[in-house]
Amino acid sequence: MDLGEPPVLPSLRLPEPLVLPRPVLEVPRADLPSYKPLVVPPSDLRAPAGVKGTTQSDKPQPKPPTPPIPQVPKVPTVRIPTTEIDVPVPDGIVLTTAATTAVVSVAATLTATSLFKWLVTAMKPVFKTAWTKITKKKDSSNSSSSSGPPDS
């Protein structure tokens, strides 16, 4: 059984790779930590005999002015009955702001909800009528185009 010549497969010639120089990497260097030794005198250090010295405690040191400590206003608290727990009560301005915000947001939500329900109720018949007209036109145009010429 003769199969004939082998098939010729296409080949792709790739270009030669670029010749790049070898990278030169320097040896890493580290700066070692160093310190100057701290000389600590012994706790029983005394001046030698015959030497009169002064100490830091002998010299009067001016005291730096202390800044006034701001007084924090006392927060009113309410004691919970039958317990020993005091609960802080916020300032009246904060309570007024929070209450006003809550009332306005609830009123806006309720108004928007009722308005949306009214619009749905009012527009439902209009949409139904429009839908039936559109579907009737579509059905009539489909039935007239689907019926061919009369057979004679």
N, C-alpha and C. Protein backbone atom coordinates (compact mmCIF):
# COMPACT_ATOMS: atom_id res chain seq x y z
N MET A 1 0.83 -1.18 0.00
CA MET A 1 0.00 0.00 0.00
C MET A 1 0.88 1.24 0.00
N ASP A 2 0.74 2.05 -1.03
CA ASP A 2 1.57 3.23 -1.23
C ASP A 2 0.82 4.46 -0.72
N LEU A 3 1.44 5.16 0.21
CA LEU A 3 0.80 6.35 0.79
C LEU A 3 1.19 7.63 0.06
N GLY A 4 2.15 7.57 -0.79
CA GLY A 4 2.55 8.74 -1.53
C GLY A 4 3.61 9.54 -0.77
N GLU A 5 3.79 10.75 -1.20
CA GLU A 5 4.80 11.61 -0.58
C GLU A 5 4.32 12.11 0.78
N PRO A 6 5.25 12.32 1.71
CA PRO A 6 4.83 12.88 3.00
C PRO A 6 4.36 14.32 2.82
N PRO A 7 3.43 14.76 3.65
CA PRO A 7 2.92 16.13 3.51
C PRO A 7 3.99 17.16 3.87
N VAL A 8 3.95 18.29 3.20
CA VAL A 8 4.88 19.38 3.47
C VAL A 8 4.22 20.30 4.50
N LEU A 9 4.83 20.38 5.64
CA LEU A 9 4.30 21.22 6.71
C LEU A 9 4.90 22.61 6.63
N PRO A 10 4.11 23.64 6.90
CA PRO A 10 4.67 25.00 6.85
C PRO A 10 5.65 25.20 8.00
N SER A 11 6.65 25.99 7.77
CA SER A 11 7.63 26.27 8.83
C SER A 11 7.71 27.78 9.02
N LEU A 12 8.13 28.12 10.19
CA LEU A 12 8.23 29.53 10.55
C LEU A 12 9.66 29.80 10.98
N ARG A 13 10.28 30.77 10.36
CA ARG A 13 11.68 31.08 10.69
C ARG A 13 11.68 32.23 11.68
N LEU A 14 12.22 31.96 12.86
CA LEU A 14 12.29 32.97 13.91
C LEU A 14 13.59 33.75 13.80
N PRO A 15 13.56 35.05 14.14
CA PRO A 15 14.81 35.83 14.08
C PRO A 15 15.74 35.41 15.22
N GLU A 16 16.99 35.73 15.01
CA GLU A 16 18.00 35.42 16.03
C GLU A 16 17.74 36.27 17.27
N PRO A 17 18.02 35.75 18.47
CA PRO A 17 17.80 36.55 19.68
C PRO A 17 18.78 37.72 19.77
N LEU A 18 18.36 38.75 20.46
CA LEU A 18 19.23 39.91 20.66
C LEU A 18 20.36 39.55 21.60
N VAL A 19 21.50 40.10 21.33
CA VAL A 19 22.66 39.86 22.18
C VAL A 19 22.70 40.99 23.20
N LEU A 20 22.48 40.66 24.45
CA LEU A 20 22.49 41.65 25.51
C LEU A 20 23.70 41.44 26.39
N PRO A 21 24.31 42.53 26.89
CA PRO A 21 25.47 42.35 27.78
C PRO A 21 25.01 41.77 29.12
N ARG A 22 25.91 41.06 29.76
CA ARG A 22 25.58 40.49 31.06
C ARG A 22 25.46 41.62 32.09
N PRO A 23 24.45 41.53 32.95
CA PRO A 23 24.32 42.59 33.96
C PRO A 23 25.41 42.46 35.01
N VAL A 24 25.87 43.62 35.44
CA VAL A 24 26.90 43.65 36.48
C VAL A 24 26.21 44.06 37.77
N LEU A 25 26.21 43.18 38.74
CA LEU A 25 25.59 43.46 40.02
C LEU A 25 26.67 43.69 41.06
N GLU A 26 26.50 44.75 41.81
CA GLU A 26 27.47 45.03 42.86
C GLU A 26 27.13 44.21 44.09
N VAL A 27 28.15 43.96 44.86
CA VAL A 27 27.95 43.21 46.09
C VAL A 27 27.21 44.12 47.08
N PRO A 28 26.14 43.63 47.69
CA PRO A 28 25.41 44.48 48.64
C PRO A 28 26.27 44.83 49.84
N ARG A 29 26.06 46.02 50.33
CA ARG A 29 26.79 46.49 51.52
C ARG A 29 25.79 46.91 52.56
N ALA A 30 26.14 46.72 53.79
CA ALA A 30 25.26 47.09 54.89
C ALA A 30 26.01 48.01 55.83
N ASP A 31 25.33 49.03 56.32
CA ASP A 31 25.91 49.89 57.33
C ASP A 31 25.60 49.27 58.68
N LEU A 32 26.65 48.89 59.36
CA LEU A 32 26.45 48.28 60.66
C LEU A 32 26.13 49.35 61.69
N PRO A 33 25.19 49.07 62.58
CA PRO A 33 24.86 50.07 63.60
C PRO A 33 26.01 50.24 64.58
N SER A 34 26.17 51.46 65.04
CA SER A 34 27.21 51.74 66.02
C SER A 34 26.66 52.77 67.00
N TYR A 35 27.28 52.88 68.13
CA TYR A 35 26.84 53.84 69.12
C TYR A 35 28.05 54.30 69.93
N LYS A 36 27.88 55.46 70.55
CA LYS A 36 28.91 55.95 71.45
C LYS A 36 28.56 55.46 72.84
N PRO A 37 29.50 54.87 73.52
CA PRO A 37 29.18 54.36 74.85
C PRO A 37 28.75 55.50 75.77
N LEU A 38 27.78 55.23 76.60
CA LEU A 38 27.26 56.21 77.54
C LEU A 38 27.94 55.98 78.88
N VAL A 39 28.55 57.02 79.38
CA VAL A 39 29.25 56.92 80.66
C VAL A 39 28.26 57.28 81.76
N VAL A 40 28.00 56.33 82.63
CA VAL A 40 27.08 56.55 83.73
C VAL A 40 27.90 56.54 85.02
N PRO A 41 27.83 57.64 85.76
CA PRO A 41 28.61 57.65 87.01
C PRO A 41 27.97 56.72 88.04
N PRO A 42 28.76 56.25 88.95
CA PRO A 42 28.20 55.38 89.98
C PRO A 42 27.25 56.16 90.88
N SER A 43 26.38 55.46 91.58
CA SER A 43 25.37 56.13 92.40
C SER A 43 25.97 56.76 93.66
N ASP A 44 27.15 56.30 94.08
CA ASP A 44 27.76 56.88 95.28
C ASP A 44 28.92 57.82 94.93
N LEU A 45 28.77 58.55 93.85
CA LEU A 45 29.81 59.46 93.39
C LEU A 45 29.89 60.67 94.32
N ARG A 46 31.12 60.98 94.76
CA ARG A 46 31.36 62.14 95.63
C ARG A 46 32.54 62.93 95.09
N ALA A 47 32.55 64.20 95.41
CA ALA A 47 33.67 65.05 94.99
C ALA A 47 34.91 64.64 95.79
N PRO A 48 36.09 64.74 95.15
CA PRO A 48 37.32 64.42 95.89
C PRO A 48 37.52 65.39 97.05
N ALA A 49 38.35 64.97 98.00
CA ALA A 49 38.60 65.80 99.19
C ALA A 49 39.26 67.10 98.76
N GLY A 50 38.82 68.20 99.34
CA GLY A 50 39.39 69.50 99.07
C GLY A 50 38.74 70.21 97.90
N VAL A 51 37.83 69.60 97.20
CA VAL A 51 37.18 70.23 96.06
C VAL A 51 35.76 70.57 96.48
N LYS A 52 35.46 71.86 96.30
CA LYS A 52 34.12 72.28 96.62
C LYS A 52 33.37 72.45 95.31
N GLY A 53 32.28 71.71 95.16
CA GLY A 53 31.53 71.77 93.92
C GLY A 53 30.08 72.14 94.19
N THR A 54 29.41 72.36 93.15
CA THR A 54 27.98 72.66 93.28
C THR A 54 27.20 71.53 92.59
N THR A 55 26.03 71.37 93.03
CA THR A 55 25.17 70.35 92.41
C THR A 55 24.00 71.04 91.73
N GLN A 56 23.31 70.31 90.94
CA GLN A 56 22.16 70.86 90.25
C GLN A 56 21.05 71.24 91.23
N SER A 57 20.99 70.52 92.34
CA SER A 57 19.92 70.82 93.29
C SER A 57 20.19 72.12 94.04
N ASP A 58 21.45 72.58 94.08
CA ASP A 58 21.78 73.83 94.76
C ASP A 58 21.31 75.05 93.96
N LYS A 59 21.29 74.93 92.64
CA LYS A 59 20.92 76.06 91.81
C LYS A 59 19.40 76.12 91.71
N PRO A 60 18.83 77.32 91.90
CA PRO A 60 17.38 77.42 91.74
C PRO A 60 17.05 77.34 90.25
N GLN A 61 16.12 76.50 89.93
CA GLN A 61 15.73 76.35 88.54
C GLN A 61 14.36 77.01 88.34
N PRO A 62 14.26 77.80 87.29
CA PRO A 62 12.97 78.44 87.04
C PRO A 62 11.98 77.37 86.57
N LYS A 63 10.80 77.46 87.12
CA LYS A 63 9.78 76.50 86.73
C LYS A 63 9.10 77.02 85.46
N PRO A 64 8.92 76.13 84.51
CA PRO A 64 8.22 76.57 83.30
C PRO A 64 6.76 76.83 83.63
N PRO A 65 6.20 77.84 82.98
CA PRO A 65 4.79 78.14 83.27
C PRO A 65 3.91 76.96 82.83
N THR A 66 3.02 76.58 83.69
CA THR A 66 2.11 75.48 83.35
C THR A 66 0.90 76.06 82.63
N PRO A 67 0.53 75.45 81.55
CA PRO A 67 -0.65 75.95 80.83
C PRO A 67 -1.90 75.65 81.65
N PRO A 68 -2.87 76.53 81.55
CA PRO A 68 -4.10 76.29 82.32
C PRO A 68 -4.81 75.03 81.80
N ILE A 69 -5.35 74.28 82.71
CA ILE A 69 -6.07 73.06 82.35
C ILE A 69 -7.49 73.45 81.97
N PRO A 70 -7.90 73.10 80.77
CA PRO A 70 -9.25 73.48 80.36
C PRO A 70 -10.28 72.69 81.18
N GLN A 71 -11.28 73.40 81.59
CA GLN A 71 -12.34 72.78 82.38
C GLN A 71 -13.36 72.13 81.44
N VAL A 72 -13.58 70.85 81.62
CA VAL A 72 -14.55 70.14 80.82
C VAL A 72 -15.91 70.30 81.49
N PRO A 73 -16.90 70.76 80.73
CA PRO A 73 -18.21 70.94 81.36
C PRO A 73 -18.77 69.59 81.80
N LYS A 74 -19.43 69.60 82.91
CA LYS A 74 -19.98 68.37 83.45
C LYS A 74 -21.18 67.95 82.61
N VAL A 75 -21.18 66.69 82.23
CA VAL A 75 -22.25 66.14 81.41
C VAL A 75 -23.36 65.67 82.34
N PRO A 76 -24.59 66.11 82.08
CA PRO A 76 -25.68 65.64 82.94
C PRO A 76 -25.93 64.16 82.73
N THR A 77 -26.23 63.46 83.79
CA THR A 77 -26.48 62.03 83.72
C THR A 77 -27.82 61.71 84.37
N VAL A 78 -28.34 60.54 84.01
CA VAL A 78 -29.58 60.05 84.58
C VAL A 78 -29.29 58.67 85.16
N ARG A 79 -29.70 58.46 86.39
CA ARG A 79 -29.48 57.16 87.02
C ARG A 79 -30.63 56.24 86.65
N ILE A 80 -30.29 55.03 86.16
CA ILE A 80 -31.30 54.05 85.82
C ILE A 80 -31.84 53.45 87.12
N PRO A 81 -33.17 53.44 87.29
CA PRO A 81 -33.73 52.93 88.54
C PRO A 81 -33.37 51.46 88.78
N THR A 82 -33.22 51.10 90.01
CA THR A 82 -32.86 49.77 90.51
C THR A 82 -31.48 49.31 90.06
N THR A 83 -30.67 50.22 89.55
CA THR A 83 -29.29 49.88 89.22
C THR A 83 -28.39 50.99 89.72
N GLU A 84 -27.12 50.78 89.59
CA GLU A 84 -26.14 51.80 89.97
C GLU A 84 -25.49 52.39 88.72
N ILE A 85 -26.22 52.42 87.62
CA ILE A 85 -25.65 52.87 86.35
C ILE A 85 -26.14 54.28 86.06
N ASP A 86 -25.17 55.17 85.75
CA ASP A 86 -25.49 56.52 85.33
C ASP A 86 -25.31 56.61 83.82
N VAL A 87 -26.31 57.09 83.12
CA VAL A 87 -26.26 57.22 81.66
C VAL A 87 -26.17 58.70 81.32
N PRO A 88 -25.17 59.09 80.49
CA PRO A 88 -25.06 60.50 80.11
C PRO A 88 -26.22 60.92 79.20
N VAL A 89 -26.69 62.13 79.40
CA VAL A 89 -27.78 62.69 78.60
C VAL A 89 -27.19 63.74 77.67
N PRO A 90 -27.47 63.67 76.36
CA PRO A 90 -26.92 64.67 75.45
C PRO A 90 -27.50 66.05 75.68
N ASP A 91 -26.83 67.03 75.11
CA ASP A 91 -27.23 68.42 75.22
C ASP A 91 -28.56 68.64 74.50
N GLY A 92 -29.29 69.66 74.90
CA GLY A 92 -30.59 69.95 74.30
C GLY A 92 -30.51 70.28 72.83
N ILE A 93 -29.45 70.94 72.40
CA ILE A 93 -29.29 71.29 70.98
C ILE A 93 -29.16 70.02 70.14
N VAL A 94 -28.39 69.06 70.65
CA VAL A 94 -28.20 67.81 69.91
C VAL A 94 -29.53 67.06 69.83
N LEU A 95 -30.27 67.01 70.93
CA LEU A 95 -31.56 66.32 70.92
C LEU A 95 -32.54 66.98 69.96
N THR A 96 -32.55 68.31 69.94
CA THR A 96 -33.46 69.03 69.05
C THR A 96 -33.12 68.74 67.59
N THR A 97 -31.85 68.76 67.26
CA THR A 97 -31.42 68.49 65.88
C THR A 97 -31.79 67.07 65.47
N ALA A 98 -31.53 66.11 66.33
CA ALA A 98 -31.85 64.72 66.00
C ALA A 98 -33.35 64.51 65.83
N ALA A 99 -34.14 65.08 66.71
CA ALA A 99 -35.59 64.92 66.62
C ALA A 99 -36.14 65.58 65.35
N THR A 100 -35.66 66.77 65.02
CA THR A 100 -36.12 67.45 63.81
C THR A 100 -35.77 66.65 62.57
N THR A 101 -34.57 66.13 62.52
CA THR A 101 -34.15 65.32 61.37
C THR A 101 -35.01 64.08 61.23
N ALA A 102 -35.31 63.42 62.33
CA ALA A 102 -36.13 62.22 62.29
C ALA A 102 -37.54 62.54 61.79
N VAL A 103 -38.13 63.61 62.30
CA VAL A 103 -39.49 63.97 61.89
C VAL A 103 -39.53 64.31 60.41
N VAL A 104 -38.58 65.07 59.92
CA VAL A 104 -38.57 65.47 58.51
C VAL A 104 -38.39 64.25 57.62
N SER A 105 -37.48 63.33 57.97
CA SER A 105 -37.24 62.16 57.12
C SER A 105 -38.46 61.24 57.09
N VAL A 106 -39.12 61.04 58.22
CA VAL A 106 -40.32 60.19 58.25
C VAL A 106 -41.44 60.84 57.44
N ALA A 107 -41.63 62.14 57.58
CA ALA A 107 -42.68 62.83 56.83
C ALA A 107 -42.42 62.75 55.33
N ALA A 108 -41.18 62.93 54.92
CA ALA A 108 -40.85 62.86 53.49
C ALA A 108 -41.08 61.45 52.96
N THR A 109 -40.73 60.44 53.73
CA THR A 109 -40.93 59.05 53.28
C THR A 109 -42.41 58.73 53.14
N LEU A 110 -43.20 59.10 54.12
CA LEU A 110 -44.64 58.81 54.06
C LEU A 110 -45.31 59.56 52.91
N THR A 111 -44.93 60.80 52.69
CA THR A 111 -45.50 61.58 51.60
C THR A 111 -45.14 60.96 50.25
N ALA A 112 -43.90 60.58 50.07
CA ALA A 112 -43.48 59.99 48.80
C ALA A 112 -44.19 58.66 48.57
N THR A 113 -44.37 57.87 49.62
CA THR A 113 -45.05 56.58 49.47
C THR A 113 -46.50 56.78 49.05
N SER A 114 -47.21 57.67 49.73
CA SER A 114 -48.61 57.88 49.38
C SER A 114 -48.74 58.49 47.98
N LEU A 115 -47.85 59.38 47.59
CA LEU A 115 -47.88 59.97 46.25
C LEU A 115 -47.66 58.90 45.19
N PHE A 116 -46.73 58.00 45.43
CA PHE A 116 -46.44 56.93 44.47
C PHE A 116 -47.65 56.01 44.33
N LYS A 117 -48.27 55.65 45.45
CA LYS A 117 -49.46 54.78 45.38
C LYS A 117 -50.59 55.48 44.61
N TRP A 118 -50.81 56.76 44.82
CA TRP A 118 -51.84 57.49 44.12
C TRP A 118 -51.56 57.52 42.62
N LEU A 119 -50.27 57.77 42.26
CA LEU A 119 -49.91 57.80 40.83
C LEU A 119 -50.14 56.44 40.18
N VAL A 120 -49.81 55.36 40.87
CA VAL A 120 -50.02 54.02 40.32
C VAL A 120 -51.52 53.80 40.08
N THR A 121 -52.34 54.16 41.07
CA THR A 121 -53.78 53.98 40.95
C THR A 121 -54.35 54.84 39.82
N ALA A 122 -53.89 56.07 39.68
CA ALA A 122 -54.42 56.98 38.66
C ALA A 122 -53.95 56.59 37.26
N MET A 123 -52.74 56.11 37.11
CA MET A 123 -52.18 55.84 35.79
C MET A 123 -52.47 54.43 35.29
N LYS A 124 -52.93 53.53 36.15
CA LYS A 124 -53.18 52.16 35.74
C LYS A 124 -54.20 52.07 34.61
N PRO A 125 -55.35 52.75 34.68
CA PRO A 125 -56.31 52.68 33.56
C PRO A 125 -55.74 53.25 32.27
N VAL A 126 -54.96 54.29 32.36
CA VAL A 126 -54.38 54.90 31.16
C VAL A 126 -53.43 53.91 30.50
N PHE A 127 -52.61 53.26 31.26
CA PHE A 127 -51.67 52.28 30.71
C PHE A 127 -52.42 51.08 30.12
N LYS A 128 -53.48 50.63 30.80
CA LYS A 128 -54.25 49.50 30.28
C LYS A 128 -54.88 49.84 28.93
N THR A 129 -55.47 51.03 28.82
CA THR A 129 -56.10 51.46 27.57
C THR A 129 -55.07 51.55 26.45
N ALA A 130 -53.94 52.16 26.74
CA ALA A 130 -52.88 52.28 25.73
C ALA A 130 -52.39 50.90 25.32
N TRP A 131 -52.24 50.00 26.24
CA TRP A 131 -51.76 48.66 25.95
C TRP A 131 -52.74 47.90 25.05
N THR A 132 -54.03 48.01 25.36
CA THR A 132 -55.01 47.31 24.53
C THR A 132 -55.05 47.89 23.12
N LYS A 133 -54.93 49.21 22.97
CA LYS A 133 -54.91 49.82 21.63
C LYS A 133 -53.69 49.35 20.84
N ILE A 134 -52.55 49.29 21.51
CA ILE A 134 -51.32 48.86 20.82
C ILE A 134 -51.46 47.41 20.39
N THR A 135 -51.94 46.56 21.27
CA THR A 135 -52.05 45.14 20.93
C THR A 135 -53.11 44.92 19.85
N LYS A 136 -54.22 45.70 19.84
CA LYS A 136 -55.24 45.56 18.79
C LYS A 136 -54.67 45.95 17.44
N LYS A 137 -53.92 47.05 17.37
CA LYS A 137 -53.30 47.48 16.12
C LYS A 137 -52.33 46.41 15.62
N LYS A 138 -51.56 45.85 16.53
CA LYS A 138 -50.57 44.85 16.17
C LYS A 138 -51.28 43.60 15.63
N ASP A 139 -52.36 43.19 16.32
CA ASP A 139 -53.09 42.00 15.89
C ASP A 139 -53.76 42.23 14.53
N SER A 140 -54.33 43.40 14.31
CA SER A 140 -55.01 43.67 13.04
C SER A 140 -54.00 43.74 11.89
N SER A 141 -52.82 44.31 12.13
CA SER A 141 -51.82 44.38 11.06
C SER A 141 -51.23 43.01 10.79
N ASN A 142 -51.11 42.16 11.77
CA ASN A 142 -50.60 40.81 11.57
C ASN A 142 -51.62 39.94 10.84
N SER A 143 -52.90 40.09 11.16
CA SER A 143 -53.92 39.26 10.52
C SER A 143 -54.11 39.66 9.05
N SER A 144 -54.00 40.96 8.74
CA SER A 144 -54.18 41.39 7.35
C SER A 144 -52.98 41.01 6.51
N SER A 145 -51.79 41.01 7.07
CA SER A 145 -50.59 40.66 6.30
C SER A 145 -50.46 39.15 6.17
N SER A 146 -51.01 38.40 7.12
CA SER A 146 -50.89 36.95 7.05
C SER A 146 -51.87 36.35 6.07
N SER A 147 -52.98 37.02 5.83
CA SER A 147 -53.95 36.48 4.87
C SER A 147 -53.48 36.86 3.46
N GLY A 148 -53.31 35.85 2.64
CA GLY A 148 -52.82 36.06 1.28
C GLY A 148 -53.95 36.45 0.35
N PRO A 149 -53.68 36.47 -0.95
CA PRO A 149 -54.72 36.80 -1.93
C PRO A 149 -55.78 35.70 -1.95
N PRO A 150 -57.01 36.05 -2.22
CA PRO A 150 -58.06 35.02 -2.23
C PRO A 150 -57.86 34.03 -3.35
N ASP A 151 -58.20 32.76 -3.06
CA ASP A 151 -58.06 31.72 -4.05
C ASP A 151 -59.21 31.81 -5.05
N SER A 152 -58.93 31.72 -6.35
CA SER A 152 -60.02 31.76 -7.32
C SER A 152 -60.06 30.51 -8.13
